[in-house]
Amino acid sequence: MKTKRRQRASRPAPSRELAELRVRLAEAEEALRAIRTGEVDAVVTAGKAGLQVFTLEGAGHAYRLLIESMNEGALTLTTDKMIVYANQCFANMVRCPLGQVMGSSFRRFLSAEDRATLRSLLKRAGHSGSKIQVQLHAGDGSQMPVQISIRRTAKDGINRATIGMVVTDLTEARRTEELLRALTHRVVQVQEDERGRVALELHDHLTQLHCAILFRSQILADELTARDEPLKKEAMQLREMAGKAAEEVERISRNLRPSVLIQLGLVDALRGTITEFAERTGVSVKLDCEQLATRLPADTELALYRIHQEALKNVEKHARASHVMVQLTKKGDIVQLTIKDDGIGFDPERPPARRKRKADLGLLGMRERASYVGGAITIKSIRRTGTDIEVRISVPPSVTATKLN
């Protein structure tokens, strides 16, 4: 009898049991209502085998089949980044069982830096959507470059799943970019080799031929008498034309293979190019640069020199500028080349098809030159105001600079 009394005493009061049952019944009814209205995509239950996820079928079954057949990851998150739905493709991306993906936090698959970026982006993201590229951290420790397309869905006051995501694997795209970049770098190298060969041909053959013409025309002019004054005048004009042709061939050869850059360095090469440009075009050019205590890597010097050349070419052909400023500085391990002009400028946002194709190719070439040596280029232009081109390249810390007077 005493044992039975103890058992009865340990049982909860009937009123307490009834209250608990009412709460559970209300929760079950709410869950059923949400399922019927399509507010729930999946149900997560806890059992002896751990968390289990059951994807619901209903009015949106055909839509879910489409999502599951995608070659891209699809997710639905709550506002606190909890995954309430994920397709099998995303589970394959992160190399985790689907049951372990749903119900977990999406942040576990991102680095701390990418989490902060995503958090900032979500604060600004509207219903129009936004995109971000991150490294997805898989369950086995591997990483995958992906692009995440984010779109907020409308809140209805009950459903907490307010963020939709599509995750695209960028592995093949990145590999293709690397191959194209390597090909571009190879093309640049072949182009420089070909320029050197052509410059040598011009110097060794055409320059010598022009010198011979100059010499022969001078002899012809000297042998003509006063009675042959018209012919003598023609011979002198021929000599003058041959001299100008020789100077032009020398200029082209010098631009193709900048011997000053090779022998004296970047600053002297920039100064020589600016002097020749100002004399030939009449455009005022100011040079403000620092003398580097040691030489930059050869490919870095060449990239900066070629970008400088292309910028001046654009000024001559398109800018209609009166003044140009060229500045070379070094801060820390960054060398910066800036070219500014006061020309007519252009609209960088304008579709390339409406701009001059040659100018676009020149800008593309400058970007590729900077990328080739691990640098970056920024081009800012305003119509009727001018254009600023800024190139930044990282160099070894041992390279120091001193200000030129």
Protein backbone atom coordinates (compact mmCIF):
# COMPACT_ATOMS: atom_id res chain seq x y z
CA MET A 1 0.00 0.00 0.00
CA LYS A 2 2.80 2.37 0.82
CA THR A 3 4.43 1.64 -2.53
CA LYS A 4 1.27 2.49 -4.44
CA ARG A 5 0.89 5.72 -2.49
CA ARG A 6 4.43 6.72 -3.38
CA GLN A 7 3.77 6.03 -7.08
CA ARG A 8 0.61 8.09 -6.99
CA ALA A 9 2.44 10.88 -5.23
CA SER A 10 5.16 10.96 -7.96
CA ARG A 11 2.68 11.37 -10.80
CA PRO A 12 1.89 14.92 -12.05
CA ALA A 13 -1.42 16.34 -11.02
CA PRO A 14 -4.23 15.70 -13.53
CA SER A 15 -4.66 19.43 -14.12
CA ARG A 16 -0.97 19.77 -15.06
CA GLU A 17 -1.14 16.82 -17.45
CA LEU A 18 -4.23 18.30 -19.05
CA ALA A 19 -2.54 21.67 -19.53
CA GLU A 20 0.50 20.04 -21.20
CA LEU A 21 -1.76 18.04 -23.52
CA ARG A 22 -3.62 21.20 -24.51
CA VAL A 23 -0.36 22.95 -25.37
CA ARG A 24 0.81 20.00 -27.50
CA LEU A 25 -2.57 19.82 -29.22
CA ALA A 26 -2.42 23.54 -30.04
CA GLU A 27 1.10 23.13 -31.46
CA ALA A 28 -0.01 20.14 -33.56
CA GLU A 29 -3.03 22.03 -34.88
CA GLU A 30 -0.83 25.00 -35.77
CA ALA A 31 1.64 22.70 -37.58
CA LEU A 32 -1.20 21.03 -39.50
CA ARG A 33 -2.62 24.41 -40.45
CA ALA A 34 0.80 25.56 -41.71
CA ILE A 35 1.21 22.35 -43.71
CA ARG A 36 -2.23 22.69 -45.31
CA THR A 37 -1.61 26.33 -46.29
CA GLY A 38 1.82 25.57 -47.79
CA GLU A 39 3.75 27.64 -45.26
CA VAL A 40 6.02 24.69 -44.42
CA ASP A 41 8.43 23.12 -46.90
CA ALA A 42 9.84 20.48 -44.57
CA VAL A 43 9.43 19.03 -41.10
CA VAL A 44 12.41 18.29 -38.85
CA THR A 45 11.82 15.66 -36.13
CA ALA A 46 14.08 14.44 -33.32
CA GLY A 47 14.32 10.74 -32.62
CA LYS A 48 16.73 8.00 -31.62
CA ALA A 49 18.43 8.27 -35.02
CA GLY A 50 18.91 12.00 -34.55
CA LEU A 51 17.36 14.80 -36.59
CA GLN A 52 15.27 13.65 -39.55
CA VAL A 53 13.95 15.90 -42.30
CA PHE A 54 10.74 15.15 -44.17
CA THR A 55 10.10 17.16 -47.33
CA LEU A 56 6.39 17.79 -47.76
CA GLU A 57 4.44 17.23 -50.94
CA GLY A 58 1.36 19.17 -51.89
CA ALA A 59 0.36 22.00 -54.14
CA GLY A 60 4.04 22.94 -54.68
CA HIS A 61 5.19 19.39 -55.47
CA ALA A 62 5.90 20.13 -59.15
CA TYR A 63 7.85 23.22 -58.15
CA ARG A 64 9.96 21.20 -55.70
CA LEU A 65 10.66 18.61 -58.39
CA LEU A 66 11.97 21.42 -60.58
CA ILE A 67 14.17 22.73 -57.74
CA GLU A 68 15.51 19.25 -57.02
CA SER A 69 16.39 18.72 -60.69
CA MET A 70 18.43 21.96 -60.86
CA ASN A 71 22.20 21.84 -61.34
CA GLU A 72 22.46 24.67 -58.82
CA GLY A 73 22.00 24.71 -55.10
CA ALA A 74 18.70 26.11 -53.82
CA LEU A 75 18.10 27.20 -50.23
CA THR A 76 15.45 28.78 -48.08
CA LEU A 77 16.67 30.44 -44.89
CA THR A 78 15.15 32.10 -41.90
CA THR A 79 16.27 35.61 -41.02
CA ASP A 80 18.83 34.15 -38.58
CA LYS A 81 20.38 32.09 -41.44
CA MET A 82 18.84 28.74 -40.40
CA ILE A 83 18.33 26.42 -43.39
CA VAL A 84 14.72 25.22 -43.56
CA TYR A 85 15.00 23.87 -47.08
CA ALA A 86 17.87 22.79 -49.32
CA ASN A 87 17.91 20.71 -52.48
CA GLN A 88 20.15 17.72 -53.01
CA CYS A 89 22.49 19.68 -55.29
CA PHE A 90 23.46 22.00 -52.44
CA ALA A 91 23.99 19.03 -50.13
CA ASN A 92 26.35 17.59 -52.75
CA MET A 93 28.20 20.91 -52.94
CA VAL A 94 28.91 20.97 -49.20
CA ARG A 95 29.40 17.17 -49.15
CA CYS A 96 27.01 16.61 -46.29
CA PRO A 97 23.89 14.43 -46.02
CA LEU A 98 20.78 16.42 -46.79
CA GLY A 99 19.38 15.64 -43.37
CA GLN A 100 22.37 17.30 -41.72
CA VAL A 101 22.11 20.37 -43.94
CA MET A 102 18.49 21.28 -43.24
CA GLY A 103 17.97 22.56 -39.76
CA SER A 104 21.59 23.78 -39.52
CA SER A 105 23.02 27.26 -39.90
CA PHE A 106 24.13 28.41 -43.34
CA ARG A 107 27.00 30.29 -41.70
CA ARG A 108 28.81 27.02 -40.95
CA PHE A 109 29.65 26.79 -44.67
CA LEU A 110 31.30 30.24 -44.86
CA SER A 111 34.52 31.77 -43.57
CA ALA A 112 34.37 34.51 -40.94
CA GLU A 113 35.16 37.13 -43.60
CA ASP A 114 32.44 35.88 -45.96
CA ARG A 115 29.95 35.76 -43.08
CA ALA A 116 30.56 39.44 -42.39
CA THR A 117 30.22 40.27 -46.09
CA LEU A 118 27.00 38.31 -46.38
CA ARG A 119 25.59 39.93 -43.24
CA SER A 120 26.32 43.38 -44.62
CA LEU A 121 24.81 42.46 -47.98
CA LEU A 122 21.63 41.10 -46.45
CA LYS A 123 21.09 44.36 -44.62
CA ARG A 124 21.10 46.21 -47.95
CA ALA A 125 19.44 43.55 -50.09
CA GLY A 126 15.91 44.29 -51.19
CA HIS A 127 13.29 42.27 -53.03
CA SER A 128 15.12 42.92 -56.32
CA GLY A 129 17.90 40.61 -55.17
CA SER A 130 21.68 40.78 -55.07
CA LYS A 131 24.71 38.58 -55.75
CA ILE A 132 27.95 37.74 -53.95
CA GLN A 133 30.91 35.49 -54.68
CA VAL A 134 32.34 33.50 -51.75
CA GLN A 135 34.24 30.33 -50.90
CA LEU A 136 31.88 27.56 -49.78
CA HIS A 137 33.44 25.40 -47.05
CA ALA A 138 32.37 21.76 -47.46
CA GLY A 139 31.99 19.21 -44.70
CA ASP A 140 35.18 17.37 -45.74
CA GLY A 141 37.30 20.52 -45.45
CA SER A 142 37.42 21.33 -49.16
CA GLN A 143 36.43 24.71 -50.59
CA MET A 144 34.43 25.65 -53.65
CA PRO A 145 34.12 29.08 -55.31
CA VAL A 146 30.43 29.91 -55.70
CA GLN A 147 28.14 32.77 -56.57
CA ILE A 148 25.14 33.25 -54.30
CA SER A 149 22.06 34.97 -55.68
CA ILE A 150 19.98 36.31 -52.79
CA ARG A 151 16.39 37.43 -52.77
CA ARG A 152 14.18 38.32 -49.86
CA THR A 153 10.63 36.96 -49.89
CA ALA A 154 7.61 38.71 -48.45
CA LYS A 155 6.89 38.12 -44.77
CA ASP A 156 3.45 36.94 -43.79
CA GLY A 157 3.87 37.19 -40.03
CA ILE A 158 4.07 33.41 -39.50
CA ASN A 159 6.51 31.91 -41.93
CA ARG A 160 10.07 32.70 -40.85
CA ALA A 161 11.62 31.56 -44.13
CA THR A 162 12.25 34.97 -45.63
CA ILE A 163 15.49 34.53 -47.63
CA GLY A 164 15.82 32.56 -50.85
CA MET A 165 19.23 31.65 -52.30
CA VAL A 166 20.55 30.05 -55.47
CA VAL A 167 24.14 28.81 -55.20
CA THR A 168 26.12 28.43 -58.46
CA ASP A 169 29.36 26.47 -58.65
CA LEU A 170 32.08 28.68 -60.20
CA THR A 171 34.83 26.04 -60.31
CA GLU A 172 34.72 25.58 -64.08
CA ALA A 173 34.26 29.30 -64.68
CA ARG A 174 37.33 30.08 -62.55
CA ARG A 175 39.35 27.43 -64.34
CA THR A 176 38.33 28.90 -67.70
CA GLU A 177 39.28 32.39 -66.46
CA GLU A 178 42.70 31.12 -65.40
CA LEU A 179 43.25 29.51 -68.79
CA LEU A 180 42.20 32.69 -70.58
CA ARG A 181 44.44 34.76 -68.33
CA ALA A 182 47.38 32.45 -69.00
CA LEU A 183 46.66 32.67 -72.72
CA THR A 184 46.48 36.47 -72.53
CA HIS A 185 49.80 36.60 -70.70
CA ARG A 186 51.34 34.38 -73.33
CA VAL A 187 49.97 36.63 -76.09
CA VAL A 188 51.48 39.68 -74.34
CA GLN A 189 54.85 37.95 -74.14
CA VAL A 190 54.73 36.90 -77.80
CA GLN A 191 53.71 40.45 -78.72
CA GLU A 192 56.72 41.89 -76.91
CA ASP A 193 59.03 39.39 -78.60
CA GLU A 194 57.59 40.31 -81.99
CA ARG A 195 57.94 44.02 -81.26
CA GLY A 196 61.59 43.48 -80.43
CA ARG A 197 62.15 41.57 -83.66
CA VAL A 198 60.43 44.24 -85.78
CA ALA A 199 62.36 47.02 -84.01
CA LEU A 200 65.62 45.25 -84.76
CA GLU A 201 64.64 44.82 -88.40
CA LEU A 202 63.76 48.51 -88.69
CA HIS A 203 67.00 49.60 -87.08
CA ASP A 204 69.27 47.26 -88.97
CA HIS A 205 67.72 47.62 -92.41
CA LEU A 206 65.47 50.64 -92.93
CA THR A 207 67.62 53.00 -90.87
CA GLN A 208 70.74 52.01 -92.79
CA LEU A 209 68.87 52.37 -96.08
CA HIS A 210 67.70 55.87 -95.14
CA CYS A 211 71.21 56.82 -94.17
CA ALA A 212 72.43 55.65 -97.59
CA ILE A 213 69.72 57.74 -99.31
CA LEU A 214 70.73 60.78 -97.26
CA PHE A 215 74.36 60.30 -98.23
CA ARG A 216 73.65 59.79 -101.94
CA SER A 217 71.23 62.74 -102.14
CA GLN A 218 73.84 64.99 -100.52
CA ILE A 219 76.47 63.86 -103.07
CA LEU A 220 73.99 64.50 -105.89
CA ALA A 221 73.26 68.02 -104.61
CA ASP A 222 76.96 68.82 -104.30
CA GLU A 223 77.72 67.65 -107.85
CA LEU A 224 75.01 69.82 -109.42
CA THR A 225 76.17 73.22 -110.69
CA ALA A 226 74.47 76.59 -110.54
CA ARG A 227 72.95 75.95 -113.96
CA ASP A 228 71.12 72.96 -112.42
CA GLU A 229 69.63 74.97 -109.56
CA PRO A 230 66.11 73.46 -109.89
CA LEU A 231 67.55 69.94 -109.76
CA LYS A 232 69.81 70.85 -106.87
CA LYS A 233 66.83 72.23 -104.96
CA GLU A 234 64.92 69.01 -105.64
CA ALA A 235 67.86 66.93 -104.40
CA MET A 236 67.98 68.93 -101.17
CA GLN A 237 64.23 68.43 -100.63
CA LEU A 238 64.73 64.73 -101.25
CA ARG A 239 67.49 64.69 -98.64
CA GLU A 240 65.24 66.49 -96.14
CA MET A 241 62.40 64.00 -96.71
CA ALA A 242 64.78 61.09 -96.27
CA GLY A 243 66.00 62.60 -93.01
CA LYS A 244 62.46 62.93 -91.65
CA ALA A 245 61.69 59.36 -92.72
CA ALA A 246 64.81 58.15 -90.88
CA GLU A 247 63.73 60.01 -87.72
CA GLU A 248 60.24 58.52 -87.92
CA VAL A 249 61.60 55.00 -88.36
CA GLU A 250 63.87 55.56 -85.37
CA ARG A 251 60.92 56.78 -83.29
CA ILE A 252 58.81 53.74 -84.21
CA SER A 253 61.72 51.43 -83.48
CA ARG A 254 62.29 53.11 -80.12
CA ASN A 255 58.61 52.70 -79.16
CA LEU A 256 58.57 49.09 -80.22
CA ARG A 257 61.67 48.21 -78.22
CA PRO A 258 62.33 50.83 -75.50
CA SER A 259 66.10 50.61 -75.14
CA VAL A 260 66.06 53.52 -72.66
CA LEU A 261 63.78 51.50 -70.39
CA ILE A 262 66.08 48.51 -70.56
CA GLN A 263 69.28 50.47 -69.98
CA LEU A 264 68.30 53.42 -67.74
CA GLY A 265 65.03 52.45 -66.06
CA LEU A 266 61.41 53.48 -65.86
CA VAL A 267 61.77 57.14 -64.85
CA ASP A 268 64.11 58.02 -67.73
CA ALA A 269 61.91 56.10 -70.15
CA LEU A 270 58.82 58.01 -69.00
CA ARG A 271 60.68 61.30 -69.29
CA GLY A 272 61.84 60.53 -72.83
CA THR A 273 58.36 59.48 -73.97
CA ILE A 274 56.79 62.61 -72.47
CA THR A 275 59.34 64.92 -74.13
CA GLU A 276 58.79 63.33 -77.53
CA PHE A 277 54.99 63.43 -77.09
CA ALA A 278 54.93 67.10 -76.07
CA GLU A 279 57.16 68.15 -78.98
CA ARG A 280 55.14 66.19 -81.51
CA THR A 281 51.60 67.07 -80.34
CA GLY A 282 52.01 70.46 -78.64
CA VAL A 283 50.19 69.15 -75.55
CA SER A 284 51.68 70.38 -72.25
CA VAL A 285 52.81 67.46 -70.07
CA LYS A 286 54.00 67.67 -66.46
CA LEU A 287 56.04 64.82 -64.96
CA ASP A 288 56.10 64.37 -61.20
CA CYS A 289 57.85 61.18 -60.17
CA GLU A 290 60.05 59.57 -57.56
CA GLN A 291 63.43 58.09 -58.41
CA LEU A 292 63.44 54.47 -57.31
CA ALA A 293 66.59 53.50 -55.42
CA THR A 294 66.58 50.08 -57.10
CA ARG A 295 65.10 48.83 -60.33
CA LEU A 296 61.61 47.35 -60.41
CA PRO A 297 61.13 43.85 -61.84
CA ALA A 298 61.53 43.99 -65.61
CA ASP A 299 57.96 42.89 -66.36
CA THR A 300 56.59 45.51 -63.93
CA GLU A 301 58.59 48.30 -65.56
CA LEU A 302 57.48 47.18 -68.99
CA ALA A 303 53.80 46.99 -67.94
CA LEU A 304 53.86 50.52 -66.49
CA TYR A 305 55.69 51.86 -69.54
CA ARG A 306 53.21 50.27 -71.99
CA ILE A 307 50.21 51.54 -70.02
CA HIS A 308 51.78 55.00 -70.04
CA GLN A 309 52.29 54.76 -73.80
CA GLU A 310 48.70 53.68 -74.42
CA ALA A 311 47.32 56.44 -72.18
CA LEU A 312 49.24 59.11 -74.11
CA LYS A 313 48.09 57.57 -77.39
CA ASN A 314 44.47 57.86 -76.23
CA VAL A 315 45.07 61.48 -75.24
CA GLU A 316 46.46 62.23 -78.68
CA LYS A 317 43.71 60.46 -80.63
CA HIS A 318 40.59 60.98 -78.56
CA ALA A 319 40.92 63.31 -75.56
CA ARG A 320 41.55 66.71 -77.24
CA ALA A 321 43.41 67.66 -74.06
CA SER A 322 45.59 70.71 -73.46
CA HIS A 323 47.38 69.49 -70.35
CA VAL A 324 48.48 66.09 -69.06
CA MET A 325 49.96 65.21 -65.68
CA VAL A 326 51.98 62.02 -65.15
CA GLN A 327 52.87 61.01 -61.60
CA LEU A 328 54.90 58.05 -60.33
CA THR A 329 54.96 57.37 -56.58
CA LYS A 330 55.76 54.54 -54.21
CA LYS A 331 54.07 54.04 -50.85
CA GLY A 332 55.03 50.96 -48.90
CA ASP A 333 55.17 48.08 -51.33
CA ILE A 334 52.83 49.73 -53.86
CA VAL A 335 54.05 51.60 -56.93
CA GLN A 336 51.40 53.87 -58.41
CA LEU A 337 51.35 55.46 -61.86
CA THR A 338 48.74 58.16 -62.48
CA ILE A 339 47.95 59.83 -65.82
CA LYS A 340 45.46 62.71 -65.80
CA ASP A 341 44.24 64.84 -68.69
CA ASP A 342 41.81 67.74 -69.07
CA GLY A 343 40.24 66.43 -72.27
CA ILE A 344 36.66 65.77 -73.29
CA GLY A 345 36.44 62.53 -71.31
CA PHE A 346 33.95 59.75 -71.95
CA ASP A 347 31.19 57.84 -70.18
CA PRO A 348 32.57 54.56 -68.76
CA GLU A 349 28.99 53.30 -68.27
CA ARG A 350 28.10 53.77 -71.90
CA PRO A 351 27.76 50.46 -73.79
CA PRO A 352 31.01 49.60 -75.62
CA ALA A 353 29.11 49.22 -78.89
CA ARG A 354 28.43 52.96 -78.86
CA ARG A 355 32.02 53.92 -78.17
CA LYS A 356 35.01 53.73 -80.47
CA ARG A 357 36.13 50.13 -80.63
CA LYS A 358 39.85 51.00 -80.90
CA ALA A 359 39.63 53.03 -77.70
CA ASP A 360 37.95 50.11 -75.93
CA LEU A 361 40.70 47.78 -77.10
CA GLY A 362 43.27 50.19 -75.72
CA LEU A 363 41.57 50.26 -72.31
CA LEU A 364 41.30 46.47 -72.35
CA GLY A 365 45.00 46.22 -73.18
CA MET A 366 45.90 48.44 -70.24
CA ARG A 367 43.82 46.29 -67.88
CA GLU A 368 45.47 43.13 -69.16
CA ARG A 369 48.93 44.68 -68.76
CA ALA A 370 48.19 45.53 -65.14
CA SER A 371 46.68 42.10 -64.45
CA TYR A 372 49.72 40.43 -66.02
CA VAL A 373 51.96 41.70 -63.20
CA GLY A 374 49.37 41.30 -60.45
CA GLY A 375 48.28 44.92 -60.42
CA ALA A 376 45.00 46.78 -60.78
CA ILE A 377 43.94 49.76 -62.85
CA THR A 378 41.21 52.30 -62.15
CA ILE A 379 39.83 54.51 -64.92
CA LYS A 380 37.67 57.49 -64.02
CA SER A 381 36.31 59.80 -66.67
CA ILE A 382 33.76 62.60 -66.75
CA ARG A 383 32.52 64.19 -69.94
CA ARG A 384 34.04 67.60 -70.69
CA THR A 385 36.20 67.28 -67.57
CA GLY A 386 38.91 64.74 -68.34
CA THR A 387 40.15 61.26 -67.54
CA ASP A 388 42.18 59.84 -64.65
CA ILE A 389 44.03 56.55 -65.05
CA GLU A 390 45.54 55.04 -61.91
CA VAL A 391 47.70 51.90 -61.91
CA ARG A 392 48.71 50.19 -58.66
CA ILE A 393 51.23 47.33 -58.61
CA SER A 394 52.76 45.57 -55.62
CA VAL A 395 56.58 45.34 -55.68
CA PRO A 396 59.21 43.76 -53.37
CA PRO A 397 59.68 45.72 -50.11
CA SER A 398 63.39 46.21 -50.92
CA VAL A 399 62.51 48.72 -53.65
CA THR A 400 62.65 52.22 -52.14
CA ALA A 401 62.08 55.62 -53.68
CA THR A 402 63.57 59.11 -53.42
CA LYS A 403 61.94 62.32 -54.58
CA LEU A 404 63.35 63.85 -57.75
CA ASN A 405 64.02 67.60 -57.81
